[in-house]
Amino acid sequence: NIYEGNYSEAVSNLSGAKCDFNLGLAQLLNKDFSGAENTFNCVEPKDADTYYLLAVAAARQDNKENTLDYLGQSIKADAAMAQQAALDREFLKFYNDPGFKALVNAQ
């Protein structure tokens, strides 16, 4: 359902899986940013992609502190995420932020 763009149906189908990466992704795409953040936070183990999507969810909620924290953890897990974040329009509002610049330019 995610691939077909039917995000609400995907959320419904995955609702039994509380700590599932795909559920978090479906919630994020369905604009349930808080729900996505809660789901991604309980996914274990967290990898660079999980932290990156946590950063996206936080950015969409205008939470700079969490955005930079999650993004830093993503980059720590995989340095290539810095280059991705530097070009990702999800983080456009942070492009001039010194903390964001430090994260994406440190690699």
N, C-alpha and C. Protein backbone atom coordinates (compact mmCIF):
# COMPACT_ATOMS: atom_id res chain seq x y z
N ASN A 1 0.81 -1.21 0.00
CA ASN A 1 0.00 0.00 0.00
C ASN A 1 0.85 1.27 0.00
N ILE A 2 2.03 1.20 0.66
CA ILE A 2 2.92 2.36 0.66
C ILE A 2 3.34 2.68 -0.77
N TYR A 3 3.72 1.64 -1.52
CA TYR A 3 4.18 1.84 -2.89
C TYR A 3 3.08 2.39 -3.80
N GLU A 4 1.84 2.11 -3.45
CA GLU A 4 0.71 2.58 -4.25
C GLU A 4 0.23 3.96 -3.81
N GLY A 5 0.85 4.51 -2.76
CA GLY A 5 0.46 5.83 -2.29
C GLY A 5 -0.75 5.84 -1.38
N ASN A 6 -1.20 4.66 -0.96
CA ASN A 6 -2.36 4.58 -0.07
C ASN A 6 -1.84 4.46 1.36
N TYR A 7 -1.41 5.59 1.91
CA TYR A 7 -0.72 5.59 3.19
C TYR A 7 -1.64 5.29 4.37
N SER A 8 -2.87 5.79 4.34
CA SER A 8 -3.77 5.52 5.46
C SER A 8 -4.10 4.03 5.54
N GLU A 9 -4.27 3.39 4.39
CA GLU A 9 -4.52 1.95 4.38
C GLU A 9 -3.29 1.19 4.87
N ALA A 10 -2.12 1.66 4.49
CA ALA A 10 -0.88 1.03 4.96
C ALA A 10 -0.78 1.14 6.48
N VAL A 11 -1.10 2.30 7.03
CA VAL A 11 -1.08 2.47 8.48
C VAL A 11 -2.05 1.49 9.13
N SER A 12 -3.24 1.38 8.57
CA SER A 12 -4.24 0.47 9.10
C SER A 12 -3.76 -0.98 9.05
N ASN A 13 -3.17 -1.37 7.93
CA ASN A 13 -2.69 -2.75 7.78
C ASN A 13 -1.53 -3.06 8.71
N LEU A 14 -0.73 -2.06 9.05
CA LEU A 14 0.45 -2.28 9.88
C LEU A 14 0.22 -1.93 11.35
N SER A 15 -1.00 -1.56 11.70
CA SER A 15 -1.26 -1.05 13.04
C SER A 15 -0.98 -2.07 14.14
N GLY A 16 -0.98 -3.34 13.83
CA GLY A 16 -0.67 -4.35 14.83
C GLY A 16 0.81 -4.44 15.15
N ALA A 17 1.64 -3.89 14.30
CA ALA A 17 3.09 -3.91 14.49
C ALA A 17 3.52 -2.58 15.09
N LYS A 18 3.60 -2.51 16.40
CA LYS A 18 3.83 -1.24 17.08
C LYS A 18 5.18 -0.59 16.76
N CYS A 19 6.24 -1.35 16.74
CA CYS A 19 7.59 -0.81 16.57
C CYS A 19 8.16 -1.26 15.24
N ASP A 20 7.48 -0.93 14.17
CA ASP A 20 7.84 -1.40 12.84
C ASP A 20 8.26 -0.21 11.96
N PHE A 21 9.43 -0.33 11.31
CA PHE A 21 9.94 0.74 10.45
C PHE A 21 8.92 1.13 9.39
N ASN A 22 8.30 0.14 8.75
CA ASN A 22 7.33 0.43 7.68
C ASN A 22 6.09 1.15 8.20
N LEU A 23 5.68 0.83 9.43
CA LEU A 23 4.57 1.57 10.04
C LEU A 23 4.95 3.03 10.23
N GLY A 24 6.15 3.27 10.74
CA GLY A 24 6.62 4.64 10.91
C GLY A 24 6.67 5.39 9.59
N LEU A 25 7.15 4.71 8.55
CA LEU A 25 7.21 5.32 7.22
C LEU A 25 5.81 5.66 6.72
N ALA A 26 4.87 4.73 6.88
CA ALA A 26 3.49 4.98 6.44
C ALA A 26 2.89 6.15 7.22
N GLN A 27 3.15 6.21 8.52
CA GLN A 27 2.63 7.32 9.33
C GLN A 27 3.23 8.65 8.86
N LEU A 28 4.52 8.65 8.59
CA LEU A 28 5.19 9.86 8.11
C LEU A 28 4.58 10.33 6.80
N LEU A 29 4.39 9.40 5.87
CA LEU A 29 3.82 9.74 4.57
C LEU A 29 2.35 10.14 4.67
N ASN A 30 1.68 9.66 5.72
CA ASN A 30 0.27 9.99 5.96
C ASN A 30 0.13 11.27 6.80
N LYS A 31 1.25 11.94 7.02
CA LYS A 31 1.30 13.22 7.74
C LYS A 31 0.98 13.10 9.23
N ASP A 32 1.16 11.90 9.79
CA ASP A 32 1.05 11.71 11.24
C ASP A 32 2.47 11.75 11.78
N PHE A 33 3.02 12.97 11.86
CA PHE A 33 4.43 13.12 12.19
C PHE A 33 4.75 12.71 13.62
N SER A 34 3.87 13.03 14.54
CA SER A 34 4.06 12.64 15.93
C SER A 34 4.00 11.12 16.08
N GLY A 35 3.03 10.50 15.44
CA GLY A 35 2.92 9.05 15.47
C GLY A 35 4.14 8.38 14.86
N ALA A 36 4.62 8.93 13.75
CA ALA A 36 5.81 8.38 13.10
C ALA A 36 7.01 8.48 14.03
N GLU A 37 7.15 9.63 14.69
CA GLU A 37 8.27 9.80 15.61
C GLU A 37 8.20 8.79 16.75
N ASN A 38 7.01 8.58 17.30
CA ASN A 38 6.85 7.59 18.38
C ASN A 38 7.20 6.19 17.89
N THR A 39 6.75 5.85 16.69
CA THR A 39 7.02 4.52 16.15
C THR A 39 8.51 4.34 15.89
N PHE A 40 9.13 5.29 15.21
CA PHE A 40 10.57 5.18 14.92
C PHE A 40 11.39 5.13 16.21
N ASN A 41 10.94 5.82 17.25
CA ASN A 41 11.69 5.82 18.51
C ASN A 41 11.71 4.46 19.17
N CYS A 42 10.72 3.62 18.91
CA CYS A 42 10.72 2.30 19.55
C CYS A 42 11.30 1.22 18.66
N VAL A 43 11.63 1.55 17.40
CA VAL A 43 12.26 0.57 16.50
C VAL A 43 13.66 0.26 17.03
N GLU A 44 14.00 -1.00 17.11
CA GLU A 44 15.34 -1.43 17.54
C GLU A 44 15.83 -2.52 16.60
N PRO A 45 17.07 -2.53 16.24
CA PRO A 45 18.02 -1.44 16.48
C PRO A 45 17.78 -0.30 15.50
N LYS A 46 18.14 0.88 15.91
CA LYS A 46 18.00 2.04 15.02
C LYS A 46 19.22 2.11 14.11
N ASP A 47 18.98 2.35 12.83
CA ASP A 47 20.08 2.53 11.89
C ASP A 47 20.05 3.96 11.36
N ALA A 48 20.93 4.26 10.42
CA ALA A 48 21.02 5.62 9.88
C ALA A 48 19.69 6.06 9.25
N ASP A 49 19.01 5.15 8.57
CA ASP A 49 17.73 5.50 7.93
C ASP A 49 16.65 5.81 8.96
N THR A 50 16.62 5.04 10.04
CA THR A 50 15.62 5.29 11.09
C THR A 50 15.84 6.66 11.71
N TYR A 51 17.09 6.96 12.05
CA TYR A 51 17.39 8.28 12.62
C TYR A 51 17.09 9.40 11.62
N TYR A 52 17.37 9.15 10.35
CA TYR A 52 17.12 10.17 9.33
C TYR A 52 15.63 10.48 9.24
N LEU A 53 14.80 9.44 9.24
CA LEU A 53 13.36 9.67 9.16
C LEU A 53 12.82 10.27 10.46
N LEU A 54 13.47 9.98 11.59
CA LEU A 54 13.12 10.68 12.82
C LEU A 54 13.41 12.17 12.66
N ALA A 55 14.53 12.50 12.03
CA ALA A 55 14.87 13.91 11.79
C ALA A 55 13.84 14.56 10.87
N VAL A 56 13.41 13.85 9.85
CA VAL A 56 12.38 14.39 8.94
C VAL A 56 11.08 14.64 9.72
N ALA A 57 10.67 13.67 10.53
CA ALA A 57 9.44 13.84 11.32
C ALA A 57 9.56 15.04 12.25
N ALA A 58 10.70 15.20 12.89
CA ALA A 58 10.91 16.34 13.79
C ALA A 58 10.91 17.65 13.01
N ALA A 59 11.54 17.66 11.84
CA ALA A 59 11.58 18.88 11.02
C ALA A 59 10.18 19.29 10.59
N ARG A 60 9.35 18.32 10.25
CA ARG A 60 7.99 18.63 9.83
C ARG A 60 7.13 19.15 10.98
N GLN A 61 7.60 18.92 12.22
CA GLN A 61 6.92 19.45 13.40
C GLN A 61 7.61 20.72 13.91
N ASP A 62 8.55 21.24 13.13
CA ASP A 62 9.31 22.45 13.48
C ASP A 62 10.06 22.31 14.80
N ASN A 63 10.56 21.11 15.07
CA ASN A 63 11.32 20.87 16.29
C ASN A 63 12.80 20.82 15.94
N LYS A 64 13.45 21.98 16.00
CA LYS A 64 14.85 22.08 15.60
C LYS A 64 15.76 21.21 16.46
N GLU A 65 15.55 21.23 17.77
CA GLU A 65 16.43 20.48 18.67
C GLU A 65 16.43 18.99 18.33
N ASN A 66 15.25 18.40 18.18
CA ASN A 66 15.17 16.98 17.84
C ASN A 66 15.67 16.72 16.43
N THR A 67 15.37 17.63 15.50
CA THR A 67 15.83 17.45 14.13
C THR A 67 17.34 17.32 14.10
N LEU A 68 18.03 18.23 14.74
CA LEU A 68 19.50 18.21 14.72
C LEU A 68 20.05 17.01 15.50
N ASP A 69 19.39 16.66 16.60
CA ASP A 69 19.83 15.50 17.37
C ASP A 69 19.71 14.22 16.55
N TYR A 70 18.55 13.98 15.97
CA TYR A 70 18.34 12.78 15.17
C TYR A 70 19.25 12.76 13.94
N LEU A 71 19.40 13.92 13.31
CA LEU A 71 20.26 13.99 12.13
C LEU A 71 21.71 13.68 12.51
N GLY A 72 22.14 14.19 13.63
CA GLY A 72 23.49 13.88 14.11
C GLY A 72 23.69 12.40 14.34
N GLN A 73 22.69 11.73 14.91
CA GLN A 73 22.78 10.29 15.14
C GLN A 73 22.78 9.53 13.82
N SER A 74 22.01 10.01 12.84
CA SER A 74 21.99 9.38 11.53
C SER A 74 23.36 9.48 10.87
N ILE A 75 23.96 10.66 10.92
CA ILE A 75 25.27 10.88 10.31
C ILE A 75 26.35 10.09 11.05
N LYS A 76 26.21 9.96 12.35
CA LYS A 76 27.16 9.15 13.13
C LYS A 76 27.10 7.69 12.69
N ALA A 77 25.90 7.21 12.38
CA ALA A 77 25.72 5.82 11.94
C ALA A 77 26.20 5.62 10.51
N ASP A 78 26.08 6.66 9.67
CA ASP A 78 26.50 6.57 8.26
C ASP A 78 26.84 7.98 7.78
N ALA A 79 28.12 8.24 7.62
CA ALA A 79 28.59 9.58 7.25
C ALA A 79 27.98 10.08 5.94
N ALA A 80 27.57 9.17 5.06
CA ALA A 80 26.99 9.57 3.77
C ALA A 80 25.67 10.33 3.96
N MET A 81 25.04 10.18 5.10
CA MET A 81 23.78 10.87 5.35
C MET A 81 23.97 12.39 5.42
N ALA A 82 25.19 12.84 5.73
CA ALA A 82 25.45 14.28 5.79
C ALA A 82 25.24 14.91 4.42
N GLN A 83 25.75 14.27 3.40
CA GLN A 83 25.60 14.80 2.04
C GLN A 83 24.13 14.77 1.62
N GLN A 84 23.43 13.70 1.97
CA GLN A 84 22.01 13.61 1.64
C GLN A 84 21.23 14.73 2.33
N ALA A 85 21.51 14.93 3.61
CA ALA A 85 20.79 15.96 4.37
C ALA A 85 21.08 17.36 3.84
N ALA A 86 22.31 17.58 3.41
CA ALA A 86 22.70 18.90 2.91
C ALA A 86 21.89 19.31 1.69
N LEU A 87 21.38 18.34 0.95
CA LEU A 87 20.62 18.61 -0.27
C LEU A 87 19.12 18.37 -0.12
N ASP A 88 18.71 17.84 1.01
CA ASP A 88 17.32 17.44 1.22
C ASP A 88 16.45 18.64 1.58
N ARG A 89 15.44 18.89 0.78
CA ARG A 89 14.56 20.03 1.01
C ARG A 89 13.72 19.88 2.29
N GLU A 90 13.69 18.69 2.86
CA GLU A 90 13.01 18.50 4.15
C GLU A 90 13.65 19.41 5.21
N PHE A 91 14.92 19.72 5.03
CA PHE A 91 15.66 20.50 6.02
C PHE A 91 15.92 21.93 5.56
N LEU A 92 15.19 22.38 4.55
CA LEU A 92 15.39 23.70 3.97
C LEU A 92 15.40 24.81 5.03
N LYS A 93 14.48 24.74 5.98
CA LYS A 93 14.38 25.80 6.99
C LYS A 93 15.59 25.82 7.93
N PHE A 94 16.42 24.78 7.87
CA PHE A 94 17.60 24.71 8.73
C PHE A 94 18.91 24.96 7.99
N TYR A 95 18.83 25.19 6.68
CA TYR A 95 20.04 25.33 5.87
C TYR A 95 21.01 26.38 6.41
N ASN A 96 20.50 27.47 6.96
CA ASN A 96 21.37 28.54 7.46
C ASN A 96 21.65 28.43 8.96
N ASP A 97 21.11 27.40 9.59
CA ASP A 97 21.33 27.21 11.02
C ASP A 97 22.76 26.72 11.26
N PRO A 98 23.49 27.35 12.18
CA PRO A 98 24.88 26.93 12.43
C PRO A 98 25.00 25.47 12.86
N GLY A 99 24.04 24.98 13.65
CA GLY A 99 24.08 23.58 14.08
C GLY A 99 23.91 22.63 12.91
N PHE A 100 22.99 22.96 12.00
CA PHE A 100 22.78 22.14 10.81
C PHE A 100 24.03 22.16 9.93
N LYS A 101 24.56 23.36 9.71
CA LYS A 101 25.76 23.48 8.88
C LYS A 101 26.91 22.67 9.46
N ALA A 102 27.07 22.72 10.77
CA ALA A 102 28.15 21.96 11.41
C ALA A 102 27.98 20.47 11.18
N LEU A 103 26.75 19.98 11.26
CA LEU A 103 26.50 18.55 11.05
C LEU A 103 26.81 18.12 9.62
N VAL A 104 26.30 18.85 8.65
CA VAL A 104 26.44 18.40 7.26
C VAL A 104 27.80 18.72 6.67
N ASN A 105 28.50 19.69 7.23
CA ASN A 105 29.83 20.03 6.72
C ASN A 105 30.95 19.33 7.45
N ALA A 106 30.63 18.64 8.54
CA ALA A 106 31.67 17.97 9.34
C ALA A 106 32.20 16.73 8.64
N GLN A 107 31.46 16.24 7.66
CA GLN A 107 31.87 14.99 6.99
C GLN A 107 32.63 15.27 5.72
